[in-house]
Amino acid sequence: YLLRSGDMLWGGSSAGEFSKAINVK
């Protein structure tokens, strides 16, 4: 089983000012 957070762009839609939008797949 492998989990990946994806490429979290600083300040982008995936990881902006807060971390609630980070998508782990």
PDBML (XML) file of the C-alpha atoms, coordinates in Angstrom:
<?xml version="1.0" encoding="UTF-8" ?>
<PDBx:datablock datablockName="MODEL"
   xmlns:PDBx="http://pdbml.pdb.org/schema/pdbx-v50.xsd"
   xmlns:xsi="http://www.w3.org/2001/XMLSchema-instance"
   xsi:schemaLocation="http://pdbml.pdb.org/schema/pdbx-v50.xsd pdbx-v50.xsd">
   <PDBx:atom_siteCategory>
      <PDBx:atom_site id="1">
         <PDBx:B_iso_or_equiv>0.00</PDBx:B_iso_or_equiv>
         <PDBx:Cartn_x>0.000</PDBx:Cartn_x>
         <PDBx:Cartn_y>0.000</PDBx:Cartn_y>
         <PDBx:Cartn_z>0.000</PDBx:Cartn_z>
         <PDBx:auth_asym_id>A</PDBx:auth_asym_id>
         <PDBx:auth_atom_id>CA</PDBx:auth_atom_id>
         <PDBx:auth_comp_id>TYR</PDBx:auth_comp_id>
         <PDBx:auth_seq_id>1</PDBx:auth_seq_id>
         <PDBx:group_PDB>ATOM</PDBx:group_PDB>
         <PDBx:label_alt_id xsi:nil="true" />
         <PDBx:label_asym_id>A</PDBx:label_asym_id>
         <PDBx:label_atom_id>CA</PDBx:label_atom_id>
         <PDBx:label_comp_id>TYR</PDBx:label_comp_id>
         <PDBx:label_entity_id>1</PDBx:label_entity_id>
         <PDBx:label_seq_id>1</PDBx:label_seq_id>
         <PDBx:occupancy>1.00</PDBx:occupancy>
         <PDBx:pdbx_PDB_model_num>1</PDBx:pdbx_PDB_model_num>
         <PDBx:type_symbol>C</PDBx:type_symbol>
      </PDBx:atom_site>
      <PDBx:atom_site id="2">
         <PDBx:B_iso_or_equiv>0.00</PDBx:B_iso_or_equiv>
         <PDBx:Cartn_x>1.526</PDBx:Cartn_x>
         <PDBx:Cartn_y>3.306</PDBx:Cartn_y>
         <PDBx:Cartn_z>-1.140</PDBx:Cartn_z>
         <PDBx:auth_asym_id>A</PDBx:auth_asym_id>
         <PDBx:auth_atom_id>CA</PDBx:auth_atom_id>
         <PDBx:auth_comp_id>LEU</PDBx:auth_comp_id>
         <PDBx:auth_seq_id>2</PDBx:auth_seq_id>
         <PDBx:group_PDB>ATOM</PDBx:group_PDB>
         <PDBx:label_alt_id xsi:nil="true" />
         <PDBx:label_asym_id>A</PDBx:label_asym_id>
         <PDBx:label_atom_id>CA</PDBx:label_atom_id>
         <PDBx:label_comp_id>LEU</PDBx:label_comp_id>
         <PDBx:label_entity_id>1</PDBx:label_entity_id>
         <PDBx:label_seq_id>2</PDBx:label_seq_id>
         <PDBx:occupancy>1.00</PDBx:occupancy>
         <PDBx:pdbx_PDB_model_num>1</PDBx:pdbx_PDB_model_num>
         <PDBx:type_symbol>C</PDBx:type_symbol>
      </PDBx:atom_site>
      <PDBx:atom_site id="3">
         <PDBx:B_iso_or_equiv>0.00</PDBx:B_iso_or_equiv>
         <PDBx:Cartn_x>0.181</PDBx:Cartn_x>
         <PDBx:Cartn_y>6.755</PDBx:Cartn_y>
         <PDBx:Cartn_z>-0.243</PDBx:Cartn_z>
         <PDBx:auth_asym_id>A</PDBx:auth_asym_id>
         <PDBx:auth_atom_id>CA</PDBx:auth_atom_id>
         <PDBx:auth_comp_id>LEU</PDBx:auth_comp_id>
         <PDBx:auth_seq_id>3</PDBx:auth_seq_id>
         <PDBx:group_PDB>ATOM</PDBx:group_PDB>
         <PDBx:label_alt_id xsi:nil="true" />
         <PDBx:label_asym_id>A</PDBx:label_asym_id>
         <PDBx:label_atom_id>CA</PDBx:label_atom_id>
         <PDBx:label_comp_id>LEU</PDBx:label_comp_id>
         <PDBx:label_entity_id>1</PDBx:label_entity_id>
         <PDBx:label_seq_id>3</PDBx:label_seq_id>
         <PDBx:occupancy>1.00</PDBx:occupancy>
         <PDBx:pdbx_PDB_model_num>1</PDBx:pdbx_PDB_model_num>
         <PDBx:type_symbol>C</PDBx:type_symbol>
      </PDBx:atom_site>
      <PDBx:atom_site id="4">
         <PDBx:B_iso_or_equiv>0.00</PDBx:B_iso_or_equiv>
         <PDBx:Cartn_x>1.306</PDBx:Cartn_x>
         <PDBx:Cartn_y>9.973</PDBx:Cartn_y>
         <PDBx:Cartn_z>-1.929</PDBx:Cartn_z>
         <PDBx:auth_asym_id>A</PDBx:auth_asym_id>
         <PDBx:auth_atom_id>CA</PDBx:auth_atom_id>
         <PDBx:auth_comp_id>ARG</PDBx:auth_comp_id>
         <PDBx:auth_seq_id>4</PDBx:auth_seq_id>
         <PDBx:group_PDB>ATOM</PDBx:group_PDB>
         <PDBx:label_alt_id xsi:nil="true" />
         <PDBx:label_asym_id>A</PDBx:label_asym_id>
         <PDBx:label_atom_id>CA</PDBx:label_atom_id>
         <PDBx:label_comp_id>ARG</PDBx:label_comp_id>
         <PDBx:label_entity_id>1</PDBx:label_entity_id>
         <PDBx:label_seq_id>4</PDBx:label_seq_id>
         <PDBx:occupancy>1.00</PDBx:occupancy>
         <PDBx:pdbx_PDB_model_num>1</PDBx:pdbx_PDB_model_num>
         <PDBx:type_symbol>C</PDBx:type_symbol>
      </PDBx:atom_site>
      <PDBx:atom_site id="5">
         <PDBx:B_iso_or_equiv>0.00</PDBx:B_iso_or_equiv>
         <PDBx:Cartn_x>0.469</PDBx:Cartn_x>
         <PDBx:Cartn_y>13.556</PDBx:Cartn_y>
         <PDBx:Cartn_z>-1.049</PDBx:Cartn_z>
         <PDBx:auth_asym_id>A</PDBx:auth_asym_id>
         <PDBx:auth_atom_id>CA</PDBx:auth_atom_id>
         <PDBx:auth_comp_id>SER</PDBx:auth_comp_id>
         <PDBx:auth_seq_id>5</PDBx:auth_seq_id>
         <PDBx:group_PDB>ATOM</PDBx:group_PDB>
         <PDBx:label_alt_id xsi:nil="true" />
         <PDBx:label_asym_id>A</PDBx:label_asym_id>
         <PDBx:label_atom_id>CA</PDBx:label_atom_id>
         <PDBx:label_comp_id>SER</PDBx:label_comp_id>
         <PDBx:label_entity_id>1</PDBx:label_entity_id>
         <PDBx:label_seq_id>5</PDBx:label_seq_id>
         <PDBx:occupancy>1.00</PDBx:occupancy>
         <PDBx:pdbx_PDB_model_num>1</PDBx:pdbx_PDB_model_num>
         <PDBx:type_symbol>C</PDBx:type_symbol>
      </PDBx:atom_site>
      <PDBx:atom_site id="6">
         <PDBx:B_iso_or_equiv>0.00</PDBx:B_iso_or_equiv>
         <PDBx:Cartn_x>0.996</PDBx:Cartn_x>
         <PDBx:Cartn_y>14.763</PDBx:Cartn_y>
         <PDBx:Cartn_z>-4.606</PDBx:Cartn_z>
         <PDBx:auth_asym_id>A</PDBx:auth_asym_id>
         <PDBx:auth_atom_id>CA</PDBx:auth_atom_id>
         <PDBx:auth_comp_id>GLY</PDBx:auth_comp_id>
         <PDBx:auth_seq_id>6</PDBx:auth_seq_id>
         <PDBx:group_PDB>ATOM</PDBx:group_PDB>
         <PDBx:label_alt_id xsi:nil="true" />
         <PDBx:label_asym_id>A</PDBx:label_asym_id>
         <PDBx:label_atom_id>CA</PDBx:label_atom_id>
         <PDBx:label_comp_id>GLY</PDBx:label_comp_id>
         <PDBx:label_entity_id>1</PDBx:label_entity_id>
         <PDBx:label_seq_id>6</PDBx:label_seq_id>
         <PDBx:occupancy>1.00</PDBx:occupancy>
         <PDBx:pdbx_PDB_model_num>1</PDBx:pdbx_PDB_model_num>
         <PDBx:type_symbol>C</PDBx:type_symbol>
      </PDBx:atom_site>
      <PDBx:atom_site id="7">
         <PDBx:B_iso_or_equiv>0.00</PDBx:B_iso_or_equiv>
         <PDBx:Cartn_x>3.039</PDBx:Cartn_x>
         <PDBx:Cartn_y>17.827</PDBx:Cartn_y>
         <PDBx:Cartn_z>-5.551</PDBx:Cartn_z>
         <PDBx:auth_asym_id>A</PDBx:auth_asym_id>
         <PDBx:auth_atom_id>CA</PDBx:auth_atom_id>
         <PDBx:auth_comp_id>ASP</PDBx:auth_comp_id>
         <PDBx:auth_seq_id>7</PDBx:auth_seq_id>
         <PDBx:group_PDB>ATOM</PDBx:group_PDB>
         <PDBx:label_alt_id xsi:nil="true" />
         <PDBx:label_asym_id>A</PDBx:label_asym_id>
         <PDBx:label_atom_id>CA</PDBx:label_atom_id>
         <PDBx:label_comp_id>ASP</PDBx:label_comp_id>
         <PDBx:label_entity_id>1</PDBx:label_entity_id>
         <PDBx:label_seq_id>7</PDBx:label_seq_id>
         <PDBx:occupancy>1.00</PDBx:occupancy>
         <PDBx:pdbx_PDB_model_num>1</PDBx:pdbx_PDB_model_num>
         <PDBx:type_symbol>C</PDBx:type_symbol>
      </PDBx:atom_site>
      <PDBx:atom_site id="8">
         <PDBx:B_iso_or_equiv>0.00</PDBx:B_iso_or_equiv>
         <PDBx:Cartn_x>1.963</PDBx:Cartn_x>
         <PDBx:Cartn_y>20.400</PDBx:Cartn_y>
         <PDBx:Cartn_z>-2.957</PDBx:Cartn_z>
         <PDBx:auth_asym_id>A</PDBx:auth_asym_id>
         <PDBx:auth_atom_id>CA</PDBx:auth_atom_id>
         <PDBx:auth_comp_id>MET</PDBx:auth_comp_id>
         <PDBx:auth_seq_id>8</PDBx:auth_seq_id>
         <PDBx:group_PDB>ATOM</PDBx:group_PDB>
         <PDBx:label_alt_id xsi:nil="true" />
         <PDBx:label_asym_id>A</PDBx:label_asym_id>
         <PDBx:label_atom_id>CA</PDBx:label_atom_id>
         <PDBx:label_comp_id>MET</PDBx:label_comp_id>
         <PDBx:label_entity_id>1</PDBx:label_entity_id>
         <PDBx:label_seq_id>8</PDBx:label_seq_id>
         <PDBx:occupancy>1.00</PDBx:occupancy>
         <PDBx:pdbx_PDB_model_num>1</PDBx:pdbx_PDB_model_num>
         <PDBx:type_symbol>C</PDBx:type_symbol>
      </PDBx:atom_site>
      <PDBx:atom_site id="9">
         <PDBx:B_iso_or_equiv>0.00</PDBx:B_iso_or_equiv>
         <PDBx:Cartn_x>2.567</PDBx:Cartn_x>
         <PDBx:Cartn_y>23.777</PDBx:Cartn_y>
         <PDBx:Cartn_z>-4.577</PDBx:Cartn_z>
         <PDBx:auth_asym_id>A</PDBx:auth_asym_id>
         <PDBx:auth_atom_id>CA</PDBx:auth_atom_id>
         <PDBx:auth_comp_id>LEU</PDBx:auth_comp_id>
         <PDBx:auth_seq_id>9</PDBx:auth_seq_id>
         <PDBx:group_PDB>ATOM</PDBx:group_PDB>
         <PDBx:label_alt_id xsi:nil="true" />
         <PDBx:label_asym_id>A</PDBx:label_asym_id>
         <PDBx:label_atom_id>CA</PDBx:label_atom_id>
         <PDBx:label_comp_id>LEU</PDBx:label_comp_id>
         <PDBx:label_entity_id>1</PDBx:label_entity_id>
         <PDBx:label_seq_id>9</PDBx:label_seq_id>
         <PDBx:occupancy>1.00</PDBx:occupancy>
         <PDBx:pdbx_PDB_model_num>1</PDBx:pdbx_PDB_model_num>
         <PDBx:type_symbol>C</PDBx:type_symbol>
      </PDBx:atom_site>
      <PDBx:atom_site id="10">
         <PDBx:B_iso_or_equiv>0.00</PDBx:B_iso_or_equiv>
         <PDBx:Cartn_x>3.371</PDBx:Cartn_x>
         <PDBx:Cartn_y>26.377</PDBx:Cartn_y>
         <PDBx:Cartn_z>-1.928</PDBx:Cartn_z>
         <PDBx:auth_asym_id>A</PDBx:auth_asym_id>
         <PDBx:auth_atom_id>CA</PDBx:auth_atom_id>
         <PDBx:auth_comp_id>TRP</PDBx:auth_comp_id>
         <PDBx:auth_seq_id>10</PDBx:auth_seq_id>
         <PDBx:group_PDB>ATOM</PDBx:group_PDB>
         <PDBx:label_alt_id xsi:nil="true" />
         <PDBx:label_asym_id>A</PDBx:label_asym_id>
         <PDBx:label_atom_id>CA</PDBx:label_atom_id>
         <PDBx:label_comp_id>TRP</PDBx:label_comp_id>
         <PDBx:label_entity_id>1</PDBx:label_entity_id>
         <PDBx:label_seq_id>10</PDBx:label_seq_id>
         <PDBx:occupancy>1.00</PDBx:occupancy>
         <PDBx:pdbx_PDB_model_num>1</PDBx:pdbx_PDB_model_num>
         <PDBx:type_symbol>C</PDBx:type_symbol>
      </PDBx:atom_site>
      <PDBx:atom_site id="11">
         <PDBx:B_iso_or_equiv>0.00</PDBx:B_iso_or_equiv>
         <PDBx:Cartn_x>0.666</PDBx:Cartn_x>
         <PDBx:Cartn_y>29.018</PDBx:Cartn_y>
         <PDBx:Cartn_z>-2.125</PDBx:Cartn_z>
         <PDBx:auth_asym_id>A</PDBx:auth_asym_id>
         <PDBx:auth_atom_id>CA</PDBx:auth_atom_id>
         <PDBx:auth_comp_id>GLY</PDBx:auth_comp_id>
         <PDBx:auth_seq_id>11</PDBx:auth_seq_id>
         <PDBx:group_PDB>ATOM</PDBx:group_PDB>
         <PDBx:label_alt_id xsi:nil="true" />
         <PDBx:label_asym_id>A</PDBx:label_asym_id>
         <PDBx:label_atom_id>CA</PDBx:label_atom_id>
         <PDBx:label_comp_id>GLY</PDBx:label_comp_id>
         <PDBx:label_entity_id>1</PDBx:label_entity_id>
         <PDBx:label_seq_id>11</PDBx:label_seq_id>
         <PDBx:occupancy>1.00</PDBx:occupancy>
         <PDBx:pdbx_PDB_model_num>1</PDBx:pdbx_PDB_model_num>
         <PDBx:type_symbol>C</PDBx:type_symbol>
      </PDBx:atom_site>
      <PDBx:atom_site id="12">
         <PDBx:B_iso_or_equiv>0.00</PDBx:B_iso_or_equiv>
         <PDBx:Cartn_x>-1.216</PDBx:Cartn_x>
         <PDBx:Cartn_y>26.997</PDBx:Cartn_y>
         <PDBx:Cartn_z>-4.744</PDBx:Cartn_z>
         <PDBx:auth_asym_id>A</PDBx:auth_asym_id>
         <PDBx:auth_atom_id>CA</PDBx:auth_atom_id>
         <PDBx:auth_comp_id>GLY</PDBx:auth_comp_id>
         <PDBx:auth_seq_id>12</PDBx:auth_seq_id>
         <PDBx:group_PDB>ATOM</PDBx:group_PDB>
         <PDBx:label_alt_id xsi:nil="true" />
         <PDBx:label_asym_id>A</PDBx:label_asym_id>
         <PDBx:label_atom_id>CA</PDBx:label_atom_id>
         <PDBx:label_comp_id>GLY</PDBx:label_comp_id>
         <PDBx:label_entity_id>1</PDBx:label_entity_id>
         <PDBx:label_seq_id>12</PDBx:label_seq_id>
         <PDBx:occupancy>1.00</PDBx:occupancy>
         <PDBx:pdbx_PDB_model_num>1</PDBx:pdbx_PDB_model_num>
         <PDBx:type_symbol>C</PDBx:type_symbol>
      </PDBx:atom_site>
      <PDBx:atom_site id="13">
         <PDBx:B_iso_or_equiv>0.00</PDBx:B_iso_or_equiv>
         <PDBx:Cartn_x>-4.666</PDBx:Cartn_x>
         <PDBx:Cartn_y>25.439</PDBx:Cartn_y>
         <PDBx:Cartn_z>-4.663</PDBx:Cartn_z>
         <PDBx:auth_asym_id>A</PDBx:auth_asym_id>
         <PDBx:auth_atom_id>CA</PDBx:auth_atom_id>
         <PDBx:auth_comp_id>SER</PDBx:auth_comp_id>
         <PDBx:auth_seq_id>13</PDBx:auth_seq_id>
         <PDBx:group_PDB>ATOM</PDBx:group_PDB>
         <PDBx:label_alt_id xsi:nil="true" />
         <PDBx:label_asym_id>A</PDBx:label_asym_id>
         <PDBx:label_atom_id>CA</PDBx:label_atom_id>
         <PDBx:label_comp_id>SER</PDBx:label_comp_id>
         <PDBx:label_entity_id>1</PDBx:label_entity_id>
         <PDBx:label_seq_id>13</PDBx:label_seq_id>
         <PDBx:occupancy>1.00</PDBx:occupancy>
         <PDBx:pdbx_PDB_model_num>1</PDBx:pdbx_PDB_model_num>
         <PDBx:type_symbol>C</PDBx:type_symbol>
      </PDBx:atom_site>
      <PDBx:atom_site id="14">
         <PDBx:B_iso_or_equiv>0.00</PDBx:B_iso_or_equiv>
         <PDBx:Cartn_x>-3.334</PDBx:Cartn_x>
         <PDBx:Cartn_y>22.146</PDBx:Cartn_y>
         <PDBx:Cartn_z>-3.280</PDBx:Cartn_z>
         <PDBx:auth_asym_id>A</PDBx:auth_asym_id>
         <PDBx:auth_atom_id>CA</PDBx:auth_atom_id>
         <PDBx:auth_comp_id>SER</PDBx:auth_comp_id>
         <PDBx:auth_seq_id>14</PDBx:auth_seq_id>
         <PDBx:group_PDB>ATOM</PDBx:group_PDB>
         <PDBx:label_alt_id xsi:nil="true" />
         <PDBx:label_asym_id>A</PDBx:label_asym_id>
         <PDBx:label_atom_id>CA</PDBx:label_atom_id>
         <PDBx:label_comp_id>SER</PDBx:label_comp_id>
         <PDBx:label_entity_id>1</PDBx:label_entity_id>
         <PDBx:label_seq_id>14</PDBx:label_seq_id>
         <PDBx:occupancy>1.00</PDBx:occupancy>
         <PDBx:pdbx_PDB_model_num>1</PDBx:pdbx_PDB_model_num>
         <PDBx:type_symbol>C</PDBx:type_symbol>
      </PDBx:atom_site>
      <PDBx:atom_site id="15">
         <PDBx:B_iso_or_equiv>0.00</PDBx:B_iso_or_equiv>
         <PDBx:Cartn_x>-1.459</PDBx:Cartn_x>
         <PDBx:Cartn_y>23.677</PDBx:Cartn_y>
         <PDBx:Cartn_z>-0.319</PDBx:Cartn_z>
         <PDBx:auth_asym_id>A</PDBx:auth_asym_id>
         <PDBx:auth_atom_id>CA</PDBx:auth_atom_id>
         <PDBx:auth_comp_id>ALA</PDBx:auth_comp_id>
         <PDBx:auth_seq_id>15</PDBx:auth_seq_id>
         <PDBx:group_PDB>ATOM</PDBx:group_PDB>
         <PDBx:label_alt_id xsi:nil="true" />
         <PDBx:label_asym_id>A</PDBx:label_asym_id>
         <PDBx:label_atom_id>CA</PDBx:label_atom_id>
         <PDBx:label_comp_id>ALA</PDBx:label_comp_id>
         <PDBx:label_entity_id>1</PDBx:label_entity_id>
         <PDBx:label_seq_id>15</PDBx:label_seq_id>
         <PDBx:occupancy>1.00</PDBx:occupancy>
         <PDBx:pdbx_PDB_model_num>1</PDBx:pdbx_PDB_model_num>
         <PDBx:type_symbol>C</PDBx:type_symbol>
      </PDBx:atom_site>
      <PDBx:atom_site id="16">
         <PDBx:B_iso_or_equiv>0.00</PDBx:B_iso_or_equiv>
         <PDBx:Cartn_x>-2.186</PDBx:Cartn_x>
         <PDBx:Cartn_y>27.336</PDBx:Cartn_y>
         <PDBx:Cartn_z>0.059</PDBx:Cartn_z>
         <PDBx:auth_asym_id>A</PDBx:auth_asym_id>
         <PDBx:auth_atom_id>CA</PDBx:auth_atom_id>
         <PDBx:auth_comp_id>GLY</PDBx:auth_comp_id>
         <PDBx:auth_seq_id>16</PDBx:auth_seq_id>
         <PDBx:group_PDB>ATOM</PDBx:group_PDB>
         <PDBx:label_alt_id xsi:nil="true" />
         <PDBx:label_asym_id>A</PDBx:label_asym_id>
         <PDBx:label_atom_id>CA</PDBx:label_atom_id>
         <PDBx:label_comp_id>GLY</PDBx:label_comp_id>
         <PDBx:label_entity_id>1</PDBx:label_entity_id>
         <PDBx:label_seq_id>16</PDBx:label_seq_id>
         <PDBx:occupancy>1.00</PDBx:occupancy>
         <PDBx:pdbx_PDB_model_num>1</PDBx:pdbx_PDB_model_num>
         <PDBx:type_symbol>C</PDBx:type_symbol>
      </PDBx:atom_site>
      <PDBx:atom_site id="17">
         <PDBx:B_iso_or_equiv>0.00</PDBx:B_iso_or_equiv>
         <PDBx:Cartn_x>-2.188</PDBx:Cartn_x>
         <PDBx:Cartn_y>29.349</PDBx:Cartn_y>
         <PDBx:Cartn_z>3.246</PDBx:Cartn_z>
         <PDBx:auth_asym_id>A</PDBx:auth_asym_id>
         <PDBx:auth_atom_id>CA</PDBx:auth_atom_id>
         <PDBx:auth_comp_id>GLU</PDBx:auth_comp_id>
         <PDBx:auth_seq_id>17</PDBx:auth_seq_id>
         <PDBx:group_PDB>ATOM</PDBx:group_PDB>
         <PDBx:label_alt_id xsi:nil="true" />
         <PDBx:label_asym_id>A</PDBx:label_asym_id>
         <PDBx:label_atom_id>CA</PDBx:label_atom_id>
         <PDBx:label_comp_id>GLU</PDBx:label_comp_id>
         <PDBx:label_entity_id>1</PDBx:label_entity_id>
         <PDBx:label_seq_id>17</PDBx:label_seq_id>
         <PDBx:occupancy>1.00</PDBx:occupancy>
         <PDBx:pdbx_PDB_model_num>1</PDBx:pdbx_PDB_model_num>
         <PDBx:type_symbol>C</PDBx:type_symbol>
      </PDBx:atom_site>
      <PDBx:atom_site id="18">
         <PDBx:B_iso_or_equiv>0.00</PDBx:B_iso_or_equiv>
         <PDBx:Cartn_x>-3.825</PDBx:Cartn_x>
         <PDBx:Cartn_y>26.471</PDBx:Cartn_y>
         <PDBx:Cartn_z>5.117</PDBx:Cartn_z>
         <PDBx:auth_asym_id>A</PDBx:auth_asym_id>
         <PDBx:auth_atom_id>CA</PDBx:auth_atom_id>
         <PDBx:auth_comp_id>PHE</PDBx:auth_comp_id>
         <PDBx:auth_seq_id>18</PDBx:auth_seq_id>
         <PDBx:group_PDB>ATOM</PDBx:group_PDB>
         <PDBx:label_alt_id xsi:nil="true" />
         <PDBx:label_asym_id>A</PDBx:label_asym_id>
         <PDBx:label_atom_id>CA</PDBx:label_atom_id>
         <PDBx:label_comp_id>PHE</PDBx:label_comp_id>
         <PDBx:label_entity_id>1</PDBx:label_entity_id>
         <PDBx:label_seq_id>18</PDBx:label_seq_id>
         <PDBx:occupancy>1.00</PDBx:occupancy>
         <PDBx:pdbx_PDB_model_num>1</PDBx:pdbx_PDB_model_num>
         <PDBx:type_symbol>C</PDBx:type_symbol>
      </PDBx:atom_site>
      <PDBx:atom_site id="19">
         <PDBx:B_iso_or_equiv>0.00</PDBx:B_iso_or_equiv>
         <PDBx:Cartn_x>-3.370</PDBx:Cartn_x>
         <PDBx:Cartn_y>22.720</PDBx:Cartn_y>
         <PDBx:Cartn_z>4.809</PDBx:Cartn_z>
         <PDBx:auth_asym_id>A</PDBx:auth_asym_id>
         <PDBx:auth_atom_id>CA</PDBx:auth_atom_id>
         <PDBx:auth_comp_id>SER</PDBx:auth_comp_id>
         <PDBx:auth_seq_id>19</PDBx:auth_seq_id>
         <PDBx:group_PDB>ATOM</PDBx:group_PDB>
         <PDBx:label_alt_id xsi:nil="true" />
         <PDBx:label_asym_id>A</PDBx:label_asym_id>
         <PDBx:label_atom_id>CA</PDBx:label_atom_id>
         <PDBx:label_comp_id>SER</PDBx:label_comp_id>
         <PDBx:label_entity_id>1</PDBx:label_entity_id>
         <PDBx:label_seq_id>19</PDBx:label_seq_id>
         <PDBx:occupancy>1.00</PDBx:occupancy>
         <PDBx:pdbx_PDB_model_num>1</PDBx:pdbx_PDB_model_num>
         <PDBx:type_symbol>C</PDBx:type_symbol>
      </PDBx:atom_site>
      <PDBx:atom_site id="20">
         <PDBx:B_iso_or_equiv>0.00</PDBx:B_iso_or_equiv>
         <PDBx:Cartn_x>-7.003</PDBx:Cartn_x>
         <PDBx:Cartn_y>21.603</PDBx:Cartn_y>
         <PDBx:Cartn_z>4.616</PDBx:Cartn_z>
         <PDBx:auth_asym_id>A</PDBx:auth_asym_id>
         <PDBx:auth_atom_id>CA</PDBx:auth_atom_id>
         <PDBx:auth_comp_id>LYS</PDBx:auth_comp_id>
         <PDBx:auth_seq_id>20</PDBx:auth_seq_id>
         <PDBx:group_PDB>ATOM</PDBx:group_PDB>
         <PDBx:label_alt_id xsi:nil="true" />
         <PDBx:label_asym_id>A</PDBx:label_asym_id>
         <PDBx:label_atom_id>CA</PDBx:label_atom_id>
         <PDBx:label_comp_id>LYS</PDBx:label_comp_id>
         <PDBx:label_entity_id>1</PDBx:label_entity_id>
         <PDBx:label_seq_id>20</PDBx:label_seq_id>
         <PDBx:occupancy>1.00</PDBx:occupancy>
         <PDBx:pdbx_PDB_model_num>1</PDBx:pdbx_PDB_model_num>
         <PDBx:type_symbol>C</PDBx:type_symbol>
      </PDBx:atom_site>
      <PDBx:atom_site id="21">
         <PDBx:B_iso_or_equiv>0.00</PDBx:B_iso_or_equiv>
         <PDBx:Cartn_x>-6.843</PDBx:Cartn_x>
         <PDBx:Cartn_y>21.358</PDBx:Cartn_y>
         <PDBx:Cartn_z>0.808</PDBx:Cartn_z>
         <PDBx:auth_asym_id>A</PDBx:auth_asym_id>
         <PDBx:auth_atom_id>CA</PDBx:auth_atom_id>
         <PDBx:auth_comp_id>ALA</PDBx:auth_comp_id>
         <PDBx:auth_seq_id>21</PDBx:auth_seq_id>
         <PDBx:group_PDB>ATOM</PDBx:group_PDB>
         <PDBx:label_alt_id xsi:nil="true" />
         <PDBx:label_asym_id>A</PDBx:label_asym_id>
         <PDBx:label_atom_id>CA</PDBx:label_atom_id>
         <PDBx:label_comp_id>ALA</PDBx:label_comp_id>
         <PDBx:label_entity_id>1</PDBx:label_entity_id>
         <PDBx:label_seq_id>21</PDBx:label_seq_id>
         <PDBx:occupancy>1.00</PDBx:occupancy>
         <PDBx:pdbx_PDB_model_num>1</PDBx:pdbx_PDB_model_num>
         <PDBx:type_symbol>C</PDBx:type_symbol>
      </PDBx:atom_site>
      <PDBx:atom_site id="22">
         <PDBx:B_iso_or_equiv>0.00</PDBx:B_iso_or_equiv>
         <PDBx:Cartn_x>-3.917</PDBx:Cartn_x>
         <PDBx:Cartn_y>18.909</PDBx:Cartn_y>
         <PDBx:Cartn_z>0.666</PDBx:Cartn_z>
         <PDBx:auth_asym_id>A</PDBx:auth_asym_id>
         <PDBx:auth_atom_id>CA</PDBx:auth_atom_id>
         <PDBx:auth_comp_id>ILE</PDBx:auth_comp_id>
         <PDBx:auth_seq_id>22</PDBx:auth_seq_id>
         <PDBx:group_PDB>ATOM</PDBx:group_PDB>
         <PDBx:label_alt_id xsi:nil="true" />
         <PDBx:label_asym_id>A</PDBx:label_asym_id>
         <PDBx:label_atom_id>CA</PDBx:label_atom_id>
         <PDBx:label_comp_id>ILE</PDBx:label_comp_id>
         <PDBx:label_entity_id>1</PDBx:label_entity_id>
         <PDBx:label_seq_id>22</PDBx:label_seq_id>
         <PDBx:occupancy>1.00</PDBx:occupancy>
         <PDBx:pdbx_PDB_model_num>1</PDBx:pdbx_PDB_model_num>
         <PDBx:type_symbol>C</PDBx:type_symbol>
      </PDBx:atom_site>
      <PDBx:atom_site id="23">
         <PDBx:B_iso_or_equiv>0.00</PDBx:B_iso_or_equiv>
         <PDBx:Cartn_x>-5.048</PDBx:Cartn_x>
         <PDBx:Cartn_y>15.799</PDBx:Cartn_y>
         <PDBx:Cartn_z>-1.154</PDBx:Cartn_z>
         <PDBx:auth_asym_id>A</PDBx:auth_asym_id>
         <PDBx:auth_atom_id>CA</PDBx:auth_atom_id>
         <PDBx:auth_comp_id>ASN</PDBx:auth_comp_id>
         <PDBx:auth_seq_id>23</PDBx:auth_seq_id>
         <PDBx:group_PDB>ATOM</PDBx:group_PDB>
         <PDBx:label_alt_id xsi:nil="true" />
         <PDBx:label_asym_id>A</PDBx:label_asym_id>
         <PDBx:label_atom_id>CA</PDBx:label_atom_id>
         <PDBx:label_comp_id>ASN</PDBx:label_comp_id>
         <PDBx:label_entity_id>1</PDBx:label_entity_id>
         <PDBx:label_seq_id>23</PDBx:label_seq_id>
         <PDBx:occupancy>1.00</PDBx:occupancy>
         <PDBx:pdbx_PDB_model_num>1</PDBx:pdbx_PDB_model_num>
         <PDBx:type_symbol>C</PDBx:type_symbol>
      </PDBx:atom_site>
      <PDBx:atom_site id="24">
         <PDBx:B_iso_or_equiv>0.00</PDBx:B_iso_or_equiv>
         <PDBx:Cartn_x>-3.538</PDBx:Cartn_x>
         <PDBx:Cartn_y>12.441</PDBx:Cartn_y>
         <PDBx:Cartn_z>-0.162</PDBx:Cartn_z>
         <PDBx:auth_asym_id>A</PDBx:auth_asym_id>
         <PDBx:auth_atom_id>CA</PDBx:auth_atom_id>
         <PDBx:auth_comp_id>VAL</PDBx:auth_comp_id>
         <PDBx:auth_seq_id>24</PDBx:auth_seq_id>
         <PDBx:group_PDB>ATOM</PDBx:group_PDB>
         <PDBx:label_alt_id xsi:nil="true" />
         <PDBx:label_asym_id>A</PDBx:label_asym_id>
         <PDBx:label_atom_id>CA</PDBx:label_atom_id>
         <PDBx:label_comp_id>VAL</PDBx:label_comp_id>
         <PDBx:label_entity_id>1</PDBx:label_entity_id>
         <PDBx:label_seq_id>24</PDBx:label_seq_id>
         <PDBx:occupancy>1.00</PDBx:occupancy>
         <PDBx:pdbx_PDB_model_num>1</PDBx:pdbx_PDB_model_num>
         <PDBx:type_symbol>C</PDBx:type_symbol>
      </PDBx:atom_site>
      <PDBx:atom_site id="25">
         <PDBx:B_iso_or_equiv>0.00</PDBx:B_iso_or_equiv>
         <PDBx:Cartn_x>-4.114</PDBx:Cartn_x>
         <PDBx:Cartn_y>9.722</PDBx:Cartn_y>
         <PDBx:Cartn_z>-2.754</PDBx:Cartn_z>
         <PDBx:auth_asym_id>A</PDBx:auth_asym_id>
         <PDBx:auth_atom_id>CA</PDBx:auth_atom_id>
         <PDBx:auth_comp_id>LYS</PDBx:auth_comp_id>
         <PDBx:auth_seq_id>25</PDBx:auth_seq_id>
         <PDBx:group_PDB>ATOM</PDBx:group_PDB>
         <PDBx:label_alt_id xsi:nil="true" />
         <PDBx:label_asym_id>A</PDBx:label_asym_id>
         <PDBx:label_atom_id>CA</PDBx:label_atom_id>
         <PDBx:label_comp_id>LYS</PDBx:label_comp_id>
         <PDBx:label_entity_id>1</PDBx:label_entity_id>
         <PDBx:label_seq_id>25</PDBx:label_seq_id>
         <PDBx:occupancy>1.00</PDBx:occupancy>
         <PDBx:pdbx_PDB_model_num>1</PDBx:pdbx_PDB_model_num>
         <PDBx:type_symbol>C</PDBx:type_symbol>
      </PDBx:atom_site>
   </PDBx:atom_siteCategory>
</PDBx:datablock>
